[in-house]
Protein backbone atom coordinates (compact mmCIF):
# COMPACT_ATOMS: atom_id res chain seq x y z
CA UNK A 1 -39.98 -29.76 2.48
CA UNK A 2 -40.16 -28.03 5.43
CA UNK A 3 -36.56 -29.77 6.25
CA UNK A 4 -35.35 -28.62 2.69
CA UNK A 5 -36.57 -25.11 3.63
CA UNK A 6 -34.77 -25.20 6.68
CA UNK A 7 -31.79 -26.53 5.45
CA UNK A 8 -32.29 -23.54 2.62
CA UNK A 9 -32.59 -21.24 4.72
CA UNK A 10 -29.49 -21.77 6.68
CA UNK A 11 -27.42 -22.04 3.99
CA UNK A 12 -29.14 -18.66 2.67
CA UNK A 13 -28.34 -17.11 6.49
CA UNK A 14 -24.33 -18.78 6.26
CA UNK A 15 -24.89 -16.82 2.34
CA UNK A 16 -25.53 -13.28 3.94
CA UNK A 17 -23.09 -13.81 6.56
CA UNK A 18 -19.93 -14.65 4.77
CA UNK A 19 -20.66 -11.45 2.92
CA UNK A 20 -21.19 -8.57 5.58
CA UNK A 21 -17.84 -10.35 6.42
CA UNK A 22 -16.57 -10.27 3.83
CA UNK A 23 -17.92 -6.59 2.78
CA UNK A 24 -17.03 -5.49 6.42
CA UNK A 25 -13.24 -6.83 5.67
CA UNK A 26 -13.74 -3.86 2.66
CA UNK A 27 -14.56 -1.74 3.84
CA UNK A 28 -11.88 -1.57 6.88
CA UNK A 29 -9.67 -1.50 4.31
CA UNK A 30 -10.89 1.62 2.82
CA UNK A 31 -11.14 3.34 5.98
CA UNK A 32 -7.93 2.06 6.74
CA UNK A 33 -5.81 3.09 3.93
CA UNK A 34 -7.65 6.31 2.66
CA UNK A 35 -9.87 9.34 3.46
CA UNK A 36 -12.78 7.46 3.46
CA UNK A 37 -14.83 7.22 6.15
CA UNK A 38 -17.97 5.02 6.40
CA UNK A 39 -19.97 6.33 8.91
CA UNK A 40 -21.52 3.32 10.69
CA UNK A 41 -18.23 1.42 13.76
CA UNK A 42 -16.56 -1.25 12.26
CA UNK A 43 -15.21 -3.70 13.55
CA UNK A 44 -11.20 -2.49 14.30
CA UNK A 45 -10.45 -4.87 16.59
CA UNK A 46 -6.84 -6.19 15.35
CA UNK A 47 -8.24 -9.47 13.88
CA UNK A 48 -10.63 -7.57 11.80
CA UNK A 49 -7.88 -5.79 10.83
CA UNK A 50 -5.58 -8.66 9.37
CA UNK A 51 -8.45 -9.91 7.44
CA UNK A 52 -8.64 -6.50 5.78
CA UNK A 53 -5.66 -7.01 4.43
CA UNK A 54 -6.61 -9.01 1.71
CA UNK A 55 -8.30 -6.08 0.02
CA UNK A 56 -5.59 -3.84 0.23
CA UNK A 57 -4.43 -4.15 -3.40
CA UNK A 58 -8.00 -3.88 -4.38
CA UNK A 59 -8.07 -0.32 -2.79
CA UNK A 60 -4.43 0.30 -3.64
CA UNK A 61 -5.75 -0.44 -7.36
CA UNK A 62 -9.74 1.53 -7.13
CA UNK A 63 -6.56 4.53 -5.80
CA UNK A 64 -5.36 3.82 -9.50
CA UNK A 65 -8.15 3.47 -11.35
CA UNK A 66 -8.76 6.97 -9.69
CA UNK A 67 -5.42 8.70 -10.77
CA UNK A 68 -5.56 7.34 -14.54
CA UNK A 69 -9.44 9.53 -15.13
CA UNK A 70 -7.64 11.98 -13.28
CA UNK A 71 -4.93 12.53 -15.80
CA UNK A 72 -6.37 11.03 -18.33
CA UNK A 73 -9.78 14.11 -17.85
CA UNK A 74 -6.91 16.78 -17.42
CA UNK A 75 -4.50 15.39 -20.46
CA UNK A 76 -7.20 17.75 -22.57
CA UNK A 77 -5.81 21.11 -20.70
CA UNK A 78 -2.80 20.52 -19.25
CA UNK A 79 0.60 19.87 -20.29
CA UNK A 80 2.38 16.77 -18.96
CA UNK A 81 4.66 17.88 -16.27
CA UNK A 82 1.16 19.92 -14.28
CA UNK A 83 -0.48 16.74 -14.69
CA UNK A 84 2.03 14.64 -12.79
CA UNK A 85 2.52 17.47 -9.75
CA UNK A 86 -1.35 17.02 -9.77
CA UNK A 87 -1.33 13.24 -9.89
CA UNK A 88 1.04 12.66 -7.49
CA UNK A 89 0.00 15.46 -4.64
CA UNK A 90 -3.48 14.25 -4.52
CA UNK A 91 -2.23 10.30 -4.75
CA UNK A 92 -1.33 11.77 -1.17
CA UNK A 93 -4.55 12.88 -0.33
CA UNK A 94 -6.46 10.27 -0.66
CA UNK A 95 -3.56 8.22 1.58
CA UNK A 96 -3.85 10.68 3.60
CA UNK A 97 -0.38 11.44 3.95
CA UNK A 98 -0.14 8.91 6.35
CA UNK A 99 2.58 7.04 3.89
CA UNK A 100 4.68 10.02 3.74
CA UNK A 101 4.64 11.53 7.23
CA UNK A 102 5.87 6.98 7.70
CA UNK A 103 8.80 7.45 5.12
CA UNK A 104 10.16 10.53 6.74
CA UNK A 105 9.89 8.53 10.27
CA UNK A 106 11.16 6.09 9.19
CA UNK A 107 14.61 8.43 7.33
CA UNK A 108 15.04 10.16 10.43
CA UNK A 109 15.20 6.76 12.66
CA UNK A 110 16.85 5.27 11.07
CA UNK A 111 20.00 7.31 9.66
CA UNK A 112 19.87 9.65 12.92
CA UNK A 113 20.60 7.29 14.59
CA UNK A 114 22.35 3.29 14.24
CA UNK A 115 20.62 2.18 17.54
CA UNK A 116 17.58 0.45 17.96
CA UNK A 117 16.08 1.86 21.00
CA UNK A 118 17.09 5.57 19.43
CA UNK A 119 16.12 4.71 16.81
CA UNK A 120 12.56 3.62 17.30
CA UNK A 121 12.40 6.88 19.85
CA UNK A 122 13.55 8.90 16.76
CA UNK A 123 10.24 7.36 14.81
CA UNK A 124 8.06 7.75 17.44
CA UNK A 125 8.93 11.68 17.62
CA UNK A 126 6.34 12.93 15.29
CA UNK A 127 9.28 15.66 13.95
CA UNK A 128 10.49 16.31 11.29
CA UNK A 129 14.26 16.05 11.24
CA UNK A 130 16.62 16.70 8.77
CA UNK A 131 16.89 12.54 6.72
CA UNK A 132 13.13 12.79 6.74
CA UNK A 133 12.73 16.08 4.98
CA UNK A 134 15.37 14.91 2.32
CA UNK A 135 13.86 11.67 2.12
CA UNK A 136 10.30 13.29 1.56
CA UNK A 137 11.84 15.16 -1.34
CA UNK A 138 13.25 13.50 -3.10
CA UNK A 139 10.48 10.89 -3.24
CA UNK A 140 7.98 13.12 -4.27
CA UNK A 141 10.54 14.57 -7.27
CA UNK A 142 11.20 11.43 -8.40
CA UNK A 143 7.51 9.75 -8.35
CA UNK A 144 6.86 14.07 -10.52
CA UNK A 145 9.54 13.39 -12.88
CA UNK A 146 9.37 10.06 -13.56
CA UNK A 147 5.51 10.30 -14.36
CA UNK A 148 6.82 12.95 -16.53
CA UNK A 149 8.43 10.99 -18.85
CA UNK A 150 5.78 7.81 -19.26
CA UNK A 151 4.00 8.55 -22.29
CA UNK A 152 0.95 6.43 -23.69
CA UNK A 153 0.05 2.62 -22.23
CA UNK A 154 3.17 2.50 -19.99
CA UNK A 155 2.11 6.18 -18.04
CA UNK A 156 -1.74 4.55 -17.58
CA UNK A 157 -0.12 1.20 -16.84
CA UNK A 158 2.36 2.64 -13.43
CA UNK A 159 -0.73 5.48 -12.77
CA UNK A 160 -2.43 1.64 -12.67
CA UNK A 161 0.09 -0.82 -10.52
CA UNK A 162 1.71 2.17 -8.30
CA UNK A 163 -0.44 2.26 -5.65
CA UNK A 164 -2.23 -1.17 -6.07
CA UNK A 165 1.77 -2.90 -5.88
CA UNK A 166 2.43 0.00 -2.86
CA UNK A 167 -0.88 -2.08 -0.50
CA UNK A 168 0.40 -5.27 -1.81
CA UNK A 169 3.87 -4.48 -0.52
CA UNK A 170 2.31 -4.18 3.76
CA UNK A 171 0.92 -7.04 3.01
CA UNK A 172 3.89 -9.20 2.59
CA UNK A 173 6.33 -7.56 4.34
CA UNK A 174 3.37 -7.87 7.60
CA UNK A 175 3.74 -11.55 7.06
CA UNK A 176 7.22 -11.61 6.38
CA UNK A 177 8.11 -10.06 9.79
CA UNK A 178 7.72 -9.76 13.53
CA UNK A 179 6.17 -6.09 15.39
CA UNK A 180 9.57 -4.10 16.42
CA UNK A 181 6.99 -2.78 19.16
CA UNK A 182 4.60 -4.37 21.17
CA UNK A 183 2.21 -1.73 21.23
CA UNK A 184 0.66 0.15 18.23
CA UNK A 185 -1.62 -0.11 15.32
CA UNK A 186 1.46 -0.84 12.82
CA UNK A 187 1.95 -3.70 15.55
CA UNK A 188 -1.63 -4.92 15.55
CA UNK A 189 -1.54 -4.78 11.67
CA UNK A 190 1.21 -6.93 11.84
CA UNK A 191 0.68 -9.59 13.79
CA UNK A 192 -2.51 -10.49 12.67
CA UNK A 193 -1.65 -11.35 9.10
CA UNK A 194 -1.76 -14.79 8.11
CA UNK A 195 -1.16 -16.94 4.63
CA UNK A 196 -5.35 -16.20 3.80
CA UNK A 197 -4.37 -12.94 3.41
CA UNK A 198 -1.04 -13.00 1.77
CA UNK A 199 -2.37 -15.21 -0.94
CA UNK A 200 -4.86 -13.99 -1.82
CA UNK A 201 -3.61 -10.13 -2.00
CA UNK A 202 -0.52 -11.68 -4.21
CA UNK A 203 -2.42 -13.61 -6.27
CA UNK A 204 -4.89 -10.64 -7.52
CA UNK A 205 -1.90 -8.61 -7.79
CA UNK A 206 -0.71 -11.31 -9.65
CA UNK A 207 -3.39 -11.45 -12.31
CA UNK A 208 -3.72 -7.63 -12.19
CA UNK A 209 -0.37 -6.68 -13.20
CA UNK A 210 -0.18 -9.30 -16.12
CA UNK A 211 -3.44 -8.32 -17.41
CA UNK A 212 -2.87 -4.45 -17.54
CA UNK A 213 1.35 -5.04 -18.41
CA UNK A 214 1.89 -8.01 -19.88
CA UNK A 215 5.58 -10.11 -18.83
CA UNK A 216 7.18 -6.16 -18.19
CA UNK A 217 4.69 -6.55 -15.61
CA UNK A 218 5.55 -10.02 -14.20
CA UNK A 219 9.81 -8.36 -14.40
CA UNK A 220 8.53 -5.70 -12.41
CA UNK A 221 6.90 -7.90 -9.81
CA UNK A 222 9.79 -10.07 -9.75
CA UNK A 223 11.79 -6.54 -8.44
CA UNK A 224 9.75 -5.16 -6.80
CA UNK A 225 8.79 -8.48 -4.47
CA UNK A 226 12.74 -8.64 -4.04
CA UNK A 227 13.01 -4.97 -3.07
CA UNK A 228 10.08 -5.58 0.01
CA UNK A 229 12.16 -9.38 1.14
CA UNK A 230 15.30 -6.86 0.69
CA UNK A 231 13.86 -4.13 3.39
CA UNK A 232 11.99 -6.21 5.44
CA UNK A 233 15.48 -7.86 6.71
CA UNK A 234 16.72 -4.44 7.12
CA UNK A 235 14.05 -3.32 9.65
CA UNK A 236 14.83 -6.87 11.03
CA UNK A 237 18.13 -6.23 11.17
CA UNK A 238 18.30 -2.82 12.48
CA UNK A 239 15.14 -2.42 14.70
CA UNK A 240 14.18 -6.67 14.73
CA UNK A 241 10.97 -6.52 12.78
CA UNK A 242 8.63 -3.11 11.33
CA UNK A 243 6.55 -0.66 12.11
CA UNK A 244 3.52 1.14 10.56
CA UNK A 245 6.66 4.53 10.48
CA UNK A 246 8.32 1.43 8.09
CA UNK A 247 5.28 0.18 5.92
CA UNK A 248 4.26 3.66 5.33
CA UNK A 249 8.18 3.89 3.83
CA UNK A 250 7.92 0.82 1.88
CA UNK A 251 4.20 1.72 0.51
CA UNK A 252 6.16 4.89 -0.81
CA UNK A 253 8.82 3.47 -2.17
CA UNK A 254 7.73 1.19 -4.03
CA UNK A 255 4.99 3.30 -5.62
CA UNK A 256 8.81 5.15 -6.67
CA UNK A 257 10.12 1.46 -8.12
CA UNK A 258 6.98 1.45 -10.33
CA UNK A 259 6.67 4.89 -11.65
CA UNK A 260 10.85 4.64 -12.34
CA UNK A 261 10.54 0.56 -13.64
CA UNK A 262 7.66 2.32 -16.50
CA UNK A 263 10.41 4.66 -16.99
CA UNK A 264 13.59 2.81 -17.16
CA UNK A 265 12.23 -1.11 -18.89
CA UNK A 266 8.94 -0.29 -20.48
CA UNK A 267 9.29 1.42 -24.36
């Protein structure tokens, strides 16, 4: 009996440790991708950051659910255009504007110079140039206008899966690429994402998008996947890899593509 009780205690302890590790990975993903800050210090090292990528699509889906709830609550009081502006602004705030900053830096670096080292130096500069400003304006206008033009279930689906696919895109790009720099948070993330994170994140995204959007969702997933791989190859050619800025830029572009898809492809 004592031996049986000892094995049970060991099994329970192991389950508790696994549960704590999973919770920690989720909290790291939540803190990394949103404005939420966890009071207790988390083991934010390279390994834990990479393993937290498993939960990136889930965090994106939670963001989408918040946007959907906000949009549903405002539809009784606000016209569609105003709701769309509020939703897009809220989306930027929830992600601390990090992806938008990455978009601006990437546009300045990739379009401002054809030399790899010069492009990386421009992207590291916090100032926003002409190409960065144009990219920000273009993406924000496309998001707002596309949401203006989509209604009913298609609008609900766009709000739910747009943020999810945006965060999933970071996992896919990280898995299929190498870092363009040897230092920085982006390099740490790219080098630590393994097939475990890629596989679970992709499986979760596939399941959710099929439930939410059906066959149209699978078409969207294939489109977004092709776009991600194309962007990854482009960054490898131009920069020798990807950076934190290009990961953020990709997220913004994927959200925009998703919103536009539901306008053009969903009746």
